[in-house]
């Protein structure tokens, strides 16, 4: 199974669910797991499928989120690039090199380093970075690290305007309620600019934690203000 298969599965879900297709992402991943298992066991009958699936799921969930949001963001005049591409590519165009420099955090004698994020949104006219997006299946995978990067960005005049968002299906239910909130909910409420959840479960929303359907609407407001 490849990412293209996952993307096709989401497209099929969109035909049925329309704008609420995002709510079915967790079920889509469950269905994908079965297809992945069949392919895996055919090639490696004695292999560890769970380990292979976790790697596939994490990497390709990030790609799926980028696929889902890119068209809408680019319709607002912005550009989207994968954070790993910006980090690892040695032969970036002059424009992307400027994006990279505008995002780098200065560690003094230890050099300039990029935040560990999945998606970077920037303005193609001036290469100004607008927002960073981390996308994980559960909060425990990276939420504290994402909060750390937001705090580091705030330390510099060059990067303090950059918004940091988290997109997740919240499969471990960390965000469900503000009553006796878990650590992850506390971090997203205090340290991040917004978290958007792909879920059918009841979610106690706030100004910082919302269903995914509000993401593009909120992002449009951000672009208009900037």
N, C-alpha and C. Protein backbone atom coordinates (compact mmCIF):
# COMPACT_ATOMS: atom_id res chain seq x y z
N UNK A 1 0.83 -1.19 0.00
CA UNK A 1 0.00 0.00 0.00
C UNK A 1 0.88 1.25 0.00
N UNK A 2 0.46 2.25 -0.77
CA UNK A 2 1.21 3.49 -0.89
C UNK A 2 0.34 4.68 -0.50
N UNK A 3 0.98 5.86 -0.40
CA UNK A 3 0.21 7.05 -0.05
C UNK A 3 -0.89 7.33 -1.07
N UNK A 4 -0.62 7.08 -2.33
CA UNK A 4 -1.63 7.34 -3.36
C UNK A 4 -2.91 6.55 -3.09
N UNK A 5 -2.76 5.34 -2.53
CA UNK A 5 -3.93 4.54 -2.18
C UNK A 5 -4.73 5.22 -1.06
N UNK A 6 -4.01 5.76 -0.08
CA UNK A 6 -4.67 6.46 1.03
C UNK A 6 -5.38 7.71 0.52
N UNK A 7 -4.75 8.42 -0.38
CA UNK A 7 -5.35 9.62 -0.96
C UNK A 7 -6.62 9.28 -1.74
N UNK A 8 -6.56 8.18 -2.48
CA UNK A 8 -7.74 7.74 -3.24
C UNK A 8 -8.89 7.36 -2.29
N UNK A 9 -8.55 6.72 -1.17
CA UNK A 9 -9.57 6.36 -0.19
C UNK A 9 -10.24 7.60 0.38
N UNK A 10 -9.45 8.65 0.61
CA UNK A 10 -10.04 9.89 1.13
C UNK A 10 -10.94 10.53 0.07
N UNK A 11 -10.52 10.49 -1.18
CA UNK A 11 -11.34 11.06 -2.26
C UNK A 11 -12.68 10.33 -2.35
N UNK A 12 -12.65 9.01 -2.18
CA UNK A 12 -13.90 8.24 -2.19
C UNK A 12 -14.78 8.63 -1.02
N UNK A 13 -14.17 8.87 0.14
CA UNK A 13 -14.94 9.31 1.31
C UNK A 13 -15.57 10.67 1.07
N UNK A 14 -14.84 11.56 0.39
CA UNK A 14 -15.38 12.89 0.09
C UNK A 14 -16.63 12.81 -0.78
N UNK A 15 -16.66 11.84 -1.69
CA UNK A 15 -17.82 11.70 -2.57
C UNK A 15 -19.07 11.36 -1.77
N UNK A 16 -18.90 10.67 -0.66
CA UNK A 16 -20.03 10.26 0.17
C UNK A 16 -20.33 11.30 1.25
N UNK A 17 -19.28 11.77 1.92
CA UNK A 17 -19.45 12.62 3.10
C UNK A 17 -19.35 14.11 2.81
N UNK A 18 -18.84 14.47 1.66
CA UNK A 18 -18.70 15.88 1.32
C UNK A 18 -17.75 16.60 2.24
N UNK A 19 -18.14 17.78 2.72
CA UNK A 19 -17.28 18.61 3.55
C UNK A 19 -16.99 17.98 4.92
N UNK A 20 -17.77 16.98 5.31
CA UNK A 20 -17.55 16.34 6.60
C UNK A 20 -16.69 15.06 6.48
N UNK A 21 -16.05 14.91 5.34
CA UNK A 21 -15.20 13.73 5.14
C UNK A 21 -14.10 13.64 6.19
N UNK A 22 -13.66 14.79 6.69
CA UNK A 22 -12.58 14.79 7.68
C UNK A 22 -12.94 14.00 8.93
N UNK A 23 -14.24 13.92 9.27
CA UNK A 23 -14.66 13.21 10.47
C UNK A 23 -14.42 11.70 10.36
N UNK A 24 -14.25 11.23 9.14
CA UNK A 24 -14.08 9.80 8.92
C UNK A 24 -12.62 9.39 8.79
N UNK A 25 -11.70 10.28 9.10
CA UNK A 25 -10.28 9.99 8.90
C UNK A 25 -9.83 8.81 9.75
N UNK A 26 -10.27 8.74 11.01
CA UNK A 26 -9.85 7.61 11.86
C UNK A 26 -10.35 6.29 11.30
N UNK A 27 -11.59 6.27 10.82
CA UNK A 27 -12.13 5.04 10.22
C UNK A 27 -11.38 4.71 8.94
N UNK A 28 -11.05 5.74 8.18
CA UNK A 28 -10.29 5.53 6.95
C UNK A 28 -8.94 4.88 7.27
N UNK A 29 -8.30 5.33 8.35
CA UNK A 29 -7.02 4.74 8.73
C UNK A 29 -7.17 3.29 9.18
N UNK A 30 -8.29 2.98 9.82
CA UNK A 30 -8.56 1.59 10.21
C UNK A 30 -8.72 0.71 8.97
N UNK A 31 -9.45 1.21 8.00
CA UNK A 31 -9.64 0.46 6.75
C UNK A 31 -8.31 0.30 6.01
N UNK A 32 -7.51 1.38 6.02
CA UNK A 32 -6.21 1.32 5.36
C UNK A 32 -5.30 0.31 6.04
N UNK A 33 -5.44 0.18 7.36
CA UNK A 33 -4.61 -0.77 8.09
C UNK A 33 -4.84 -2.19 7.61
N UNK A 34 -6.08 -2.53 7.34
CA UNK A 34 -6.38 -3.88 6.86
C UNK A 34 -5.78 -4.13 5.49
N UNK A 35 -5.87 -3.14 4.62
CA UNK A 35 -5.28 -3.29 3.29
C UNK A 35 -3.75 -3.36 3.39
N UNK A 36 -3.20 -2.54 4.26
CA UNK A 36 -1.75 -2.55 4.46
C UNK A 36 -1.29 -3.91 5.00
N UNK A 37 -2.07 -4.47 5.91
CA UNK A 37 -1.72 -5.76 6.51
C UNK A 37 -1.70 -6.87 5.46
N UNK A 38 -2.67 -6.87 4.59
CA UNK A 38 -2.73 -7.88 3.54
C UNK A 38 -1.49 -7.81 2.66
N UNK A 39 -1.13 -6.58 2.27
CA UNK A 39 0.04 -6.40 1.41
C UNK A 39 1.32 -6.80 2.15
N UNK A 40 1.40 -6.41 3.42
CA UNK A 40 2.60 -6.67 4.20
C UNK A 40 2.81 -8.17 4.41
N UNK A 41 1.76 -8.86 4.83
CA UNK A 41 1.89 -10.29 5.13
C UNK A 41 2.11 -11.12 3.87
N UNK A 42 1.67 -10.60 2.74
CA UNK A 42 1.94 -11.30 1.49
C UNK A 42 3.43 -11.30 1.19
N UNK A 43 4.09 -10.17 1.49
CA UNK A 43 5.52 -10.04 1.21
C UNK A 43 6.39 -10.55 2.35
N UNK A 44 5.89 -10.40 3.62
CA UNK A 44 6.68 -10.79 4.79
C UNK A 44 5.79 -11.55 5.78
N UNK A 45 5.50 -12.80 5.51
CA UNK A 45 4.57 -13.58 6.34
C UNK A 45 4.94 -13.62 7.82
N UNK A 46 6.21 -13.52 8.14
CA UNK A 46 6.65 -13.60 9.54
C UNK A 46 7.07 -12.24 10.09
N UNK A 47 6.78 -11.17 9.37
CA UNK A 47 7.21 -9.85 9.79
C UNK A 47 6.32 -9.24 10.85
N UNK A 48 6.77 -8.13 11.44
CA UNK A 48 6.03 -7.41 12.47
C UNK A 48 5.16 -6.34 11.80
N UNK A 49 3.90 -6.68 11.56
CA UNK A 49 3.05 -5.75 10.84
C UNK A 49 2.76 -4.49 11.64
N UNK A 50 2.56 -4.61 12.94
CA UNK A 50 2.22 -3.44 13.76
C UNK A 50 3.31 -2.37 13.66
N UNK A 51 4.54 -2.78 13.71
CA UNK A 51 5.65 -1.84 13.61
C UNK A 51 5.64 -1.16 12.24
N UNK A 52 5.45 -1.95 11.21
CA UNK A 52 5.42 -1.41 9.86
C UNK A 52 4.24 -0.45 9.68
N UNK A 53 3.09 -0.82 10.25
CA UNK A 53 1.90 0.02 10.12
C UNK A 53 2.07 1.35 10.85
N UNK A 54 2.66 1.33 12.03
CA UNK A 54 2.85 2.58 12.77
C UNK A 54 3.70 3.56 11.98
N UNK A 55 4.74 3.06 11.34
CA UNK A 55 5.61 3.92 10.53
C UNK A 55 4.85 4.47 9.33
N UNK A 56 4.11 3.60 8.67
CA UNK A 56 3.33 4.02 7.49
C UNK A 56 2.26 5.03 7.88
N UNK A 57 1.56 4.75 8.97
CA UNK A 57 0.46 5.60 9.42
C UNK A 57 0.95 7.00 9.77
N UNK A 58 2.02 7.08 10.55
CA UNK A 58 2.53 8.38 10.95
C UNK A 58 2.98 9.23 9.78
N UNK A 59 3.78 8.62 8.91
CA UNK A 59 4.32 9.36 7.77
C UNK A 59 3.22 9.79 6.80
N UNK A 60 2.29 8.91 6.54
CA UNK A 60 1.29 9.19 5.52
C UNK A 60 0.10 9.98 6.04
N UNK A 61 -0.15 9.97 7.35
CA UNK A 61 -1.15 10.88 7.89
C UNK A 61 -0.71 12.32 7.66
N UNK A 62 0.56 12.60 7.88
CA UNK A 62 1.09 13.94 7.63
C UNK A 62 0.88 14.33 6.16
N UNK A 63 1.16 13.41 5.25
CA UNK A 63 0.97 13.70 3.83
C UNK A 63 -0.50 13.93 3.50
N UNK A 64 -1.37 13.15 4.15
CA UNK A 64 -2.80 13.29 3.89
C UNK A 64 -3.30 14.67 4.32
N UNK A 65 -2.87 15.14 5.48
CA UNK A 65 -3.27 16.47 5.94
C UNK A 65 -2.78 17.53 4.97
N UNK A 66 -1.54 17.41 4.52
CA UNK A 66 -1.03 18.38 3.56
C UNK A 66 -1.86 18.36 2.28
N UNK A 67 -2.23 17.17 1.84
CA UNK A 67 -3.08 17.04 0.65
C UNK A 67 -4.44 17.70 0.86
N UNK A 68 -5.03 17.51 2.04
CA UNK A 68 -6.37 18.04 2.31
C UNK A 68 -6.39 19.57 2.34
N UNK A 69 -5.35 20.18 2.92
CA UNK A 69 -5.40 21.63 3.13
C UNK A 69 -4.74 22.46 2.03
N UNK A 70 -3.90 21.86 1.20
CA UNK A 70 -3.09 22.64 0.26
C UNK A 70 -3.93 23.46 -0.71
N UNK A 71 -4.91 22.85 -1.34
CA UNK A 71 -5.69 23.56 -2.35
C UNK A 71 -6.38 24.79 -1.76
N UNK A 72 -6.98 24.62 -0.58
CA UNK A 72 -7.68 25.74 0.06
C UNK A 72 -6.72 26.85 0.46
N UNK A 73 -5.55 26.49 0.97
CA UNK A 73 -4.57 27.50 1.37
C UNK A 73 -4.01 28.24 0.16
N UNK A 74 -3.73 27.51 -0.91
CA UNK A 74 -3.19 28.16 -2.09
C UNK A 74 -4.22 29.04 -2.78
N UNK A 75 -5.51 28.74 -2.58
CA UNK A 75 -6.57 29.60 -3.10
C UNK A 75 -6.55 30.97 -2.41
N UNK A 76 -5.91 31.04 -1.23
CA UNK A 76 -5.78 32.30 -0.49
C UNK A 76 -4.50 33.04 -0.88
N UNK A 77 -3.77 32.50 -1.85
CA UNK A 77 -2.56 33.15 -2.33
C UNK A 77 -1.29 32.73 -1.62
N UNK A 78 -1.38 31.77 -0.72
CA UNK A 78 -0.22 31.28 0.00
C UNK A 78 0.35 30.02 -0.66
N UNK A 79 1.52 29.60 -0.20
CA UNK A 79 2.14 28.37 -0.67
C UNK A 79 2.40 27.43 0.50
N UNK A 80 2.40 26.14 0.20
CA UNK A 80 2.59 25.10 1.21
C UNK A 80 3.80 24.25 0.82
N UNK A 81 4.66 23.97 1.80
CA UNK A 81 5.79 23.09 1.55
C UNK A 81 5.97 22.17 2.74
N UNK A 82 6.41 20.96 2.48
CA UNK A 82 6.68 20.01 3.55
C UNK A 82 7.92 20.45 4.33
N UNK A 83 7.81 20.41 5.67
CA UNK A 83 8.92 20.85 6.50
C UNK A 83 10.19 20.06 6.29
N UNK A 84 10.08 18.75 6.06
CA UNK A 84 11.26 17.92 5.83
C UNK A 84 11.99 18.32 4.56
N UNK A 85 11.21 18.69 3.54
CA UNK A 85 11.83 19.11 2.27
C UNK A 85 12.65 20.38 2.49
N UNK A 86 12.11 21.29 3.25
CA UNK A 86 12.81 22.53 3.52
C UNK A 86 14.07 22.28 4.35
N UNK A 87 13.98 21.33 5.26
CA UNK A 87 15.10 21.00 6.17
C UNK A 87 16.22 20.27 5.45
N UNK A 88 15.85 19.29 4.63
CA UNK A 88 16.86 18.36 4.11
C UNK A 88 17.39 18.67 2.72
N UNK A 89 16.66 19.44 1.94
CA UNK A 89 17.09 19.70 0.56
C UNK A 89 18.31 20.60 0.53
N UNK A 90 19.31 20.20 -0.22
CA UNK A 90 20.54 20.98 -0.32
C UNK A 90 20.52 21.94 -1.50
N UNK A 91 19.64 21.68 -2.44
CA UNK A 91 19.61 22.51 -3.65
C UNK A 91 18.28 23.25 -3.76
N UNK A 92 17.96 24.03 -2.75
CA UNK A 92 16.72 24.80 -2.76
C UNK A 92 16.84 25.97 -3.74
N UNK A 93 15.72 26.35 -4.30
CA UNK A 93 15.68 27.53 -5.15
C UNK A 93 15.99 28.76 -4.30
N UNK A 94 16.39 29.88 -4.91
CA UNK A 94 16.64 31.10 -4.13
C UNK A 94 15.42 31.51 -3.29
N UNK A 95 14.22 31.32 -3.85
CA UNK A 95 13.01 31.68 -3.11
C UNK A 95 12.83 30.83 -1.86
N UNK A 96 13.00 29.52 -1.98
CA UNK A 96 12.85 28.64 -0.83
C UNK A 96 14.00 28.80 0.17
N UNK A 97 15.15 29.18 -0.32
CA UNK A 97 16.26 29.47 0.59
C UNK A 97 15.91 30.66 1.48
N UNK A 98 15.20 31.64 0.92
CA UNK A 98 14.77 32.78 1.72
C UNK A 98 13.72 32.34 2.76
N UNK A 99 12.81 31.46 2.33
CA UNK A 99 11.81 30.94 3.26
C UNK A 99 12.52 30.26 4.43
N UNK A 100 13.50 29.44 4.11
CA UNK A 100 14.25 28.71 5.14
C UNK A 100 14.94 29.67 6.09
N UNK A 101 15.54 30.71 5.53
CA UNK A 101 16.23 31.68 6.40
C UNK A 101 15.24 32.44 7.28
N UNK A 102 14.06 32.72 6.74
CA UNK A 102 13.04 33.46 7.50
C UNK A 102 12.43 32.63 8.62
N UNK A 103 12.67 31.32 8.60
CA UNK A 103 12.12 30.42 9.60
C UNK A 103 13.15 29.98 10.63
N UNK A 104 14.42 30.10 10.29
CA UNK A 104 15.48 29.56 11.13
C UNK A 104 15.54 30.23 12.50
N UNK A 105 15.83 29.42 13.50
CA UNK A 105 15.98 29.89 14.88
C UNK A 105 17.47 29.95 15.21
N UNK A 106 17.88 31.06 15.76
CA UNK A 106 19.29 31.30 16.04
C UNK A 106 19.67 30.75 17.42
N UNK A 107 20.56 29.76 17.43
CA UNK A 107 21.06 29.19 18.68
C UNK A 107 22.48 29.69 18.98
N UNK A 108 22.77 30.89 18.50
CA UNK A 108 24.07 31.48 18.79
C UNK A 108 25.22 30.68 18.24
N UNK A 109 26.16 30.33 19.11
CA UNK A 109 27.35 29.59 18.67
C UNK A 109 27.02 28.20 18.14
N UNK A 110 25.78 27.72 18.39
CA UNK A 110 25.39 26.39 17.91
C UNK A 110 24.65 26.46 16.58
N UNK A 111 24.57 27.63 15.98
CA UNK A 111 24.07 27.75 14.63
C UNK A 111 22.58 28.02 14.50
N UNK A 112 22.12 28.01 13.25
CA UNK A 112 20.72 28.22 12.91
C UNK A 112 20.06 26.87 12.66
N UNK A 113 18.86 26.69 13.20
CA UNK A 113 18.16 25.41 13.03
C UNK A 113 16.67 25.65 12.80
N UNK A 114 16.07 24.78 11.99
CA UNK A 114 14.65 24.90 11.70
C UNK A 114 13.82 24.14 12.74
N UNK A 115 12.63 24.64 13.04
CA UNK A 115 11.71 23.89 13.91
C UNK A 115 11.32 22.56 13.25
N UNK A 116 11.04 21.56 14.07
CA UNK A 116 10.58 20.26 13.55
C UNK A 116 9.07 20.32 13.37
N UNK A 117 8.63 20.63 12.15
CA UNK A 117 7.20 20.70 11.85
C UNK A 117 6.94 19.99 10.53
N UNK A 118 5.69 19.67 10.29
CA UNK A 118 5.34 18.90 9.09
C UNK A 118 5.07 19.79 7.88
N UNK A 119 4.43 20.93 8.11
CA UNK A 119 3.98 21.78 7.01
C UNK A 119 4.35 23.23 7.29
N UNK A 120 4.87 23.89 6.27
CA UNK A 120 5.20 25.31 6.36
C UNK A 120 4.35 26.06 5.34
N UNK A 121 3.68 27.12 5.78
CA UNK A 121 2.88 27.96 4.90
C UNK A 121 3.57 29.32 4.80
N UNK A 122 3.79 29.78 3.55
CA UNK A 122 4.49 31.04 3.37
C UNK A 122 3.85 31.87 2.25
N UNK A 123 4.17 33.16 2.27
CA UNK A 123 3.69 34.08 1.24
C UNK A 123 4.68 34.06 0.08
N UNK A 124 4.27 33.65 -1.12
CA UNK A 124 5.23 33.54 -2.22
C UNK A 124 5.72 34.88 -2.74
N UNK A 125 5.03 35.97 -2.38
CA UNK A 125 5.44 37.29 -2.87
C UNK A 125 6.66 37.83 -2.13
N UNK A 126 6.74 37.57 -0.83
CA UNK A 126 7.88 38.09 -0.06
C UNK A 126 8.62 37.01 0.72
N UNK A 127 8.18 35.74 0.58
CA UNK A 127 8.79 34.57 1.23
C UNK A 127 8.65 34.63 2.76
N UNK A 128 7.70 35.41 3.24
CA UNK A 128 7.45 35.51 4.68
C UNK A 128 6.70 34.26 5.15
N UNK A 129 7.19 33.62 6.19
CA UNK A 129 6.52 32.44 6.73
C UNK A 129 5.30 32.89 7.54
N UNK A 130 4.16 32.31 7.25
CA UNK A 130 2.90 32.67 7.89
C UNK A 130 2.57 31.74 9.04
N UNK A 131 2.73 30.43 8.81
CA UNK A 131 2.31 29.46 9.82
C UNK A 131 3.06 28.15 9.67
N UNK A 132 3.15 27.43 10.80
CA UNK A 132 3.69 26.08 10.84
C UNK A 132 2.60 25.15 11.34
N UNK A 133 2.55 23.95 10.79
CA UNK A 133 1.52 23.00 11.17
C UNK A 133 2.15 21.65 11.48
N UNK A 134 1.87 21.14 12.67
CA UNK A 134 2.23 19.77 13.01
C UNK A 134 0.97 18.91 12.90
N UNK A 135 1.11 17.72 12.36
CA UNK A 135 -0.05 16.84 12.19
C UNK A 135 0.31 15.44 12.67
N UNK A 136 -0.34 15.03 13.76
CA UNK A 136 -0.07 13.72 14.35
C UNK A 136 -1.38 13.05 14.71
N UNK A 137 -1.35 11.72 14.74
CA UNK A 137 -2.57 10.96 15.04
C UNK A 137 -2.99 11.14 16.49
N UNK A 138 -2.02 11.26 17.40
CA UNK A 138 -2.32 11.53 18.81
C UNK A 138 -1.44 12.68 19.29
N UNK A 139 -1.88 13.34 20.36
CA UNK A 139 -1.11 14.47 20.87
C UNK A 139 0.21 14.05 21.49
N UNK A 140 0.23 12.89 22.10
CA UNK A 140 1.44 12.49 22.82
C UNK A 140 2.64 12.31 21.89
N UNK A 141 2.39 12.23 20.59
CA UNK A 141 3.49 12.02 19.66
C UNK A 141 4.39 13.25 19.52
N UNK A 142 3.80 14.46 19.66
CA UNK A 142 4.67 15.62 19.45
C UNK A 142 4.17 16.92 20.09
N UNK A 143 3.17 16.90 20.90
CA UNK A 143 2.56 18.16 21.32
C UNK A 143 3.50 19.02 22.16
N UNK A 144 4.25 18.42 23.10
CA UNK A 144 5.16 19.22 23.93
C UNK A 144 6.26 19.84 23.07
N UNK A 145 6.74 19.08 22.10
CA UNK A 145 7.77 19.59 21.20
C UNK A 145 7.24 20.76 20.37
N UNK A 146 5.99 20.65 19.92
CA UNK A 146 5.39 21.72 19.13
C UNK A 146 5.26 22.99 19.98
N UNK A 147 4.86 22.84 21.24
CA UNK A 147 4.79 23.97 22.14
C UNK A 147 6.16 24.62 22.34
N UNK A 148 7.20 23.81 22.40
CA UNK A 148 8.56 24.32 22.55
C UNK A 148 8.94 25.21 21.37
N UNK A 149 8.62 24.75 20.15
CA UNK A 149 8.99 25.53 18.97
C UNK A 149 8.24 26.86 18.93
N UNK A 150 7.00 26.86 19.36
CA UNK A 150 6.25 28.12 19.41
C UNK A 150 6.96 29.11 20.33
N UNK A 151 7.41 28.66 21.47
CA UNK A 151 8.09 29.54 22.41
C UNK A 151 9.41 30.06 21.84
N UNK A 152 10.13 29.21 21.11
CA UNK A 152 11.39 29.64 20.49
C UNK A 152 11.14 30.68 19.40
N UNK A 153 10.07 30.51 18.63
CA UNK A 153 9.75 31.48 17.59
C UNK A 153 9.44 32.85 18.18
N UNK A 154 8.82 32.86 19.34
CA UNK A 154 8.46 34.12 20.00
C UNK A 154 9.67 34.92 20.47
N UNK A 155 10.82 34.28 20.55
CA UNK A 155 12.01 34.95 21.08
C UNK A 155 12.65 35.92 20.09
N UNK A 156 12.31 35.80 18.81
CA UNK A 156 12.96 36.62 17.79
C UNK A 156 11.96 37.52 17.07
N UNK A 157 12.38 38.74 16.76
CA UNK A 157 11.54 39.66 15.99
C UNK A 157 11.24 39.11 14.61
N UNK A 158 12.16 38.32 14.08
CA UNK A 158 12.01 37.77 12.73
C UNK A 158 10.92 36.71 12.66
N UNK A 159 10.72 35.97 13.75
CA UNK A 159 9.81 34.82 13.70
C UNK A 159 8.62 34.90 14.65
N UNK A 160 8.54 35.94 15.48
CA UNK A 160 7.50 35.95 16.52
C UNK A 160 6.08 36.03 15.96
N UNK A 161 5.93 36.46 14.71
CA UNK A 161 4.60 36.55 14.09
C UNK A 161 4.08 35.21 13.60
N UNK A 162 4.94 34.20 13.51
CA UNK A 162 4.56 32.91 12.90
C UNK A 162 3.60 32.15 13.81
N UNK A 163 2.47 31.75 13.23
CA UNK A 163 1.48 30.98 13.99
C UNK A 163 1.86 29.50 13.96
N UNK A 164 1.53 28.82 15.03
CA UNK A 164 1.82 27.38 15.13
C UNK A 164 0.52 26.64 15.43
N UNK A 165 0.18 25.71 14.55
CA UNK A 165 -1.07 24.96 14.67
C UNK A 165 -0.79 23.46 14.77
N UNK A 166 -1.77 22.76 15.32
CA UNK A 166 -1.70 21.30 15.43
C UNK A 166 -2.99 20.73 14.84
N UNK A 167 -2.87 19.72 13.99
CA UNK A 167 -4.03 19.05 13.39
C UNK A 167 -3.95 17.57 13.73
N UNK A 168 -5.04 17.03 14.27
CA UNK A 168 -5.02 15.65 14.77
C UNK A 168 -6.42 15.04 14.81
N UNK A 169 -6.55 13.72 14.64
CA UNK A 169 -7.83 13.05 14.92
C UNK A 169 -7.99 12.76 16.41
N UNK A 170 -6.94 13.03 17.20
CA UNK A 170 -6.98 12.88 18.66
C UNK A 170 -7.50 11.49 19.05
N UNK A 171 -6.85 10.47 18.55
CA UNK A 171 -7.35 9.11 18.74
C UNK A 171 -7.25 8.62 20.19
N UNK A 172 -6.48 9.31 21.02
CA UNK A 172 -6.44 8.91 22.43
C UNK A 172 -7.35 9.77 23.31
N UNK A 173 -8.13 10.67 22.70
CA UNK A 173 -9.13 11.44 23.43
C UNK A 173 -8.58 12.49 24.37
N UNK A 174 -7.38 12.97 24.12
CA UNK A 174 -6.77 13.96 25.00
C UNK A 174 -7.54 15.28 25.02
N UNK A 175 -8.15 15.64 23.90
CA UNK A 175 -8.76 16.96 23.76
C UNK A 175 -10.25 17.00 24.03
N UNK A 176 -10.84 15.87 24.30
CA UNK A 176 -12.30 15.78 24.35
C UNK A 176 -12.94 16.79 25.29
N UNK A 177 -12.38 17.00 26.48
CA UNK A 177 -13.04 17.82 27.48
C UNK A 177 -12.07 18.77 28.18
N UNK A 178 -12.60 19.90 28.66
CA UNK A 178 -11.79 20.82 29.47
C UNK A 178 -11.96 20.55 30.96
N UNK A 179 -12.82 19.59 31.30
CA UNK A 179 -13.00 19.23 32.70
C UNK A 179 -11.85 18.31 33.12
N UNK A 180 -11.11 18.71 34.13
CA UNK A 180 -9.89 18.00 34.53
C UNK A 180 -9.04 17.71 33.29
N UNK A 181 -8.61 18.76 32.59
CA UNK A 181 -7.91 18.59 31.32
C UNK A 181 -6.59 17.83 31.45
N UNK A 182 -6.28 17.05 30.43
CA UNK A 182 -5.01 16.35 30.38
C UNK A 182 -3.91 17.32 29.96
N UNK A 183 -2.67 16.92 30.15
CA UNK A 183 -1.52 17.77 29.85
C UNK A 183 -1.57 18.30 28.42
N UNK A 184 -1.92 17.42 27.47
CA UNK A 184 -1.95 17.83 26.07
C UNK A 184 -2.93 18.95 25.81
N UNK A 185 -4.11 18.88 26.46
CA UNK A 185 -5.10 19.94 26.28
C UNK A 185 -4.57 21.25 26.88
N UNK A 186 -3.91 21.17 27.99
CA UNK A 186 -3.35 22.37 28.61
C UNK A 186 -2.32 23.04 27.70
N UNK A 187 -1.46 22.23 27.08
CA UNK A 187 -0.43 22.77 26.20
C UNK A 187 -1.04 23.47 25.00
N UNK A 188 -2.02 22.85 24.35
CA UNK A 188 -2.59 23.47 23.16
C UNK A 188 -3.38 24.72 23.50
N UNK A 189 -3.99 24.76 24.68
CA UNK A 189 -4.75 25.93 25.07
C UNK A 189 -3.84 27.12 25.40
N UNK A 190 -2.69 26.85 25.98
CA UNK A 190 -1.81 27.92 26.44
C UNK A 190 -0.70 28.26 25.45
N UNK A 191 -0.07 27.26 24.86
CA UNK A 191 1.15 27.50 24.09
C UNK A 191 0.96 27.61 22.58
N UNK A 192 -0.08 27.00 22.00
CA UNK A 192 -0.25 27.02 20.55
C UNK A 192 -1.28 28.06 20.12
N UNK A 193 -1.31 28.32 18.81
CA UNK A 193 -2.27 29.29 18.27
C UNK A 193 -3.59 28.65 17.88
N UNK A 194 -3.62 27.33 17.75
CA UNK A 194 -4.86 26.66 17.43
C UNK A 194 -4.64 25.19 17.18
N UNK A 195 -5.62 24.39 17.55
CA UNK A 195 -5.59 22.95 17.29
C UNK A 195 -6.93 22.56 16.67
N UNK A 196 -6.85 21.77 15.60
CA UNK A 196 -8.04 21.41 14.84
C UNK A 196 -8.17 19.89 14.80
N UNK A 197 -9.36 19.41 15.13
CA UNK A 197 -9.55 17.98 15.39
C UNK A 197 -10.46 17.35 14.34
N UNK A 198 -9.98 16.25 13.78
CA UNK A 198 -10.75 15.49 12.80
C UNK A 198 -11.43 14.35 13.54
N UNK A 199 -12.68 14.56 13.94
CA UNK A 199 -13.33 13.55 14.78
C UNK A 199 -14.85 13.61 14.66
N UNK A 200 -15.47 12.48 14.94
CA UNK A 200 -16.93 12.42 15.07
C UNK A 200 -17.34 12.50 16.53
N UNK A 201 -16.38 12.39 17.43
CA UNK A 201 -16.67 12.40 18.86
C UNK A 201 -17.11 13.78 19.32
N UNK A 202 -17.80 13.83 20.44
CA UNK A 202 -18.17 15.11 21.03
C UNK A 202 -16.90 15.81 21.51
N UNK A 203 -16.71 17.02 21.04
CA UNK A 203 -15.52 17.78 21.39
C UNK A 203 -15.94 19.07 22.08
N UNK A 204 -15.41 19.30 23.25
CA UNK A 204 -15.69 20.55 23.94
C UNK A 204 -14.76 21.61 23.34
N UNK A 205 -15.32 22.40 22.44
CA UNK A 205 -14.51 23.37 21.71
C UNK A 205 -14.22 24.62 22.54
N UNK A 206 -13.20 25.34 22.11
CA UNK A 206 -12.82 26.60 22.73
C UNK A 206 -12.24 27.49 21.63
N UNK A 207 -11.72 28.65 22.01
CA UNK A 207 -11.09 29.52 21.02
C UNK A 207 -9.84 28.88 20.42
N UNK A 208 -9.23 27.96 21.15
CA UNK A 208 -7.98 27.34 20.70
C UNK A 208 -8.15 25.91 20.18
N UNK A 209 -9.22 25.25 20.54
CA UNK A 209 -9.46 23.86 20.13
C UNK A 209 -10.80 23.79 19.41
N UNK A 210 -10.76 23.40 18.13
CA UNK A 210 -11.97 23.41 17.32
C UNK A 210 -12.00 22.19 16.41
N UNK A 211 -13.18 21.91 15.89
CA UNK A 211 -13.30 20.89 14.85
C UNK A 211 -12.58 21.38 13.60
N UNK A 212 -12.09 20.45 12.82
CA UNK A 212 -11.27 20.77 11.65
C UNK A 212 -12.01 21.66 10.64
N UNK A 213 -13.31 21.59 10.60
CA UNK A 213 -14.08 22.37 9.63
C UNK A 213 -13.84 23.87 9.75
N UNK A 214 -13.32 24.31 10.90
CA UNK A 214 -13.07 25.74 11.12
C UNK A 214 -11.68 26.18 10.68
N UNK A 215 -10.84 25.24 10.28
CA UNK A 215 -9.44 25.57 10.01
C UNK A 215 -9.29 26.60 8.89
N UNK A 216 -9.85 26.34 7.73
CA UNK A 216 -9.67 27.25 6.60
C UNK A 216 -10.33 28.60 6.85
N UNK A 217 -11.47 28.58 7.50
CA UNK A 217 -12.14 29.83 7.85
C UNK A 217 -11.23 30.68 8.75
N UNK A 218 -10.64 30.08 9.76
CA UNK A 218 -9.73 30.80 10.66
C UNK A 218 -8.47 31.24 9.91
N UNK A 219 -7.98 30.40 9.02
CA UNK A 219 -6.77 30.74 8.28
C UNK A 219 -7.03 31.91 7.34
N UNK A 220 -8.20 31.96 6.77
CA UNK A 220 -8.57 33.08 5.90
C UNK A 220 -8.53 34.40 6.69
N UNK A 221 -9.04 34.37 7.89
CA UNK A 221 -9.00 35.56 8.74
C UNK A 221 -7.57 35.98 9.04
N UNK A 222 -6.72 35.00 9.28
CA UNK A 222 -5.31 35.28 9.55
C UNK A 222 -4.67 35.99 8.37
N UNK A 223 -4.92 35.50 7.16
CA UNK A 223 -4.34 36.09 5.94
C UNK A 223 -4.86 37.51 5.75
N UNK A 224 -6.12 37.71 5.98
CA UNK A 224 -6.70 39.05 5.82
C UNK A 224 -6.08 40.05 6.79
N UNK A 225 -5.80 39.60 8.01
CA UNK A 225 -5.18 40.49 9.00
C UNK A 225 -3.73 40.79 8.68
N UNK A 226 -3.04 39.79 8.10
CA UNK A 226 -1.61 39.98 7.83
C UNK A 226 -1.35 40.66 6.50
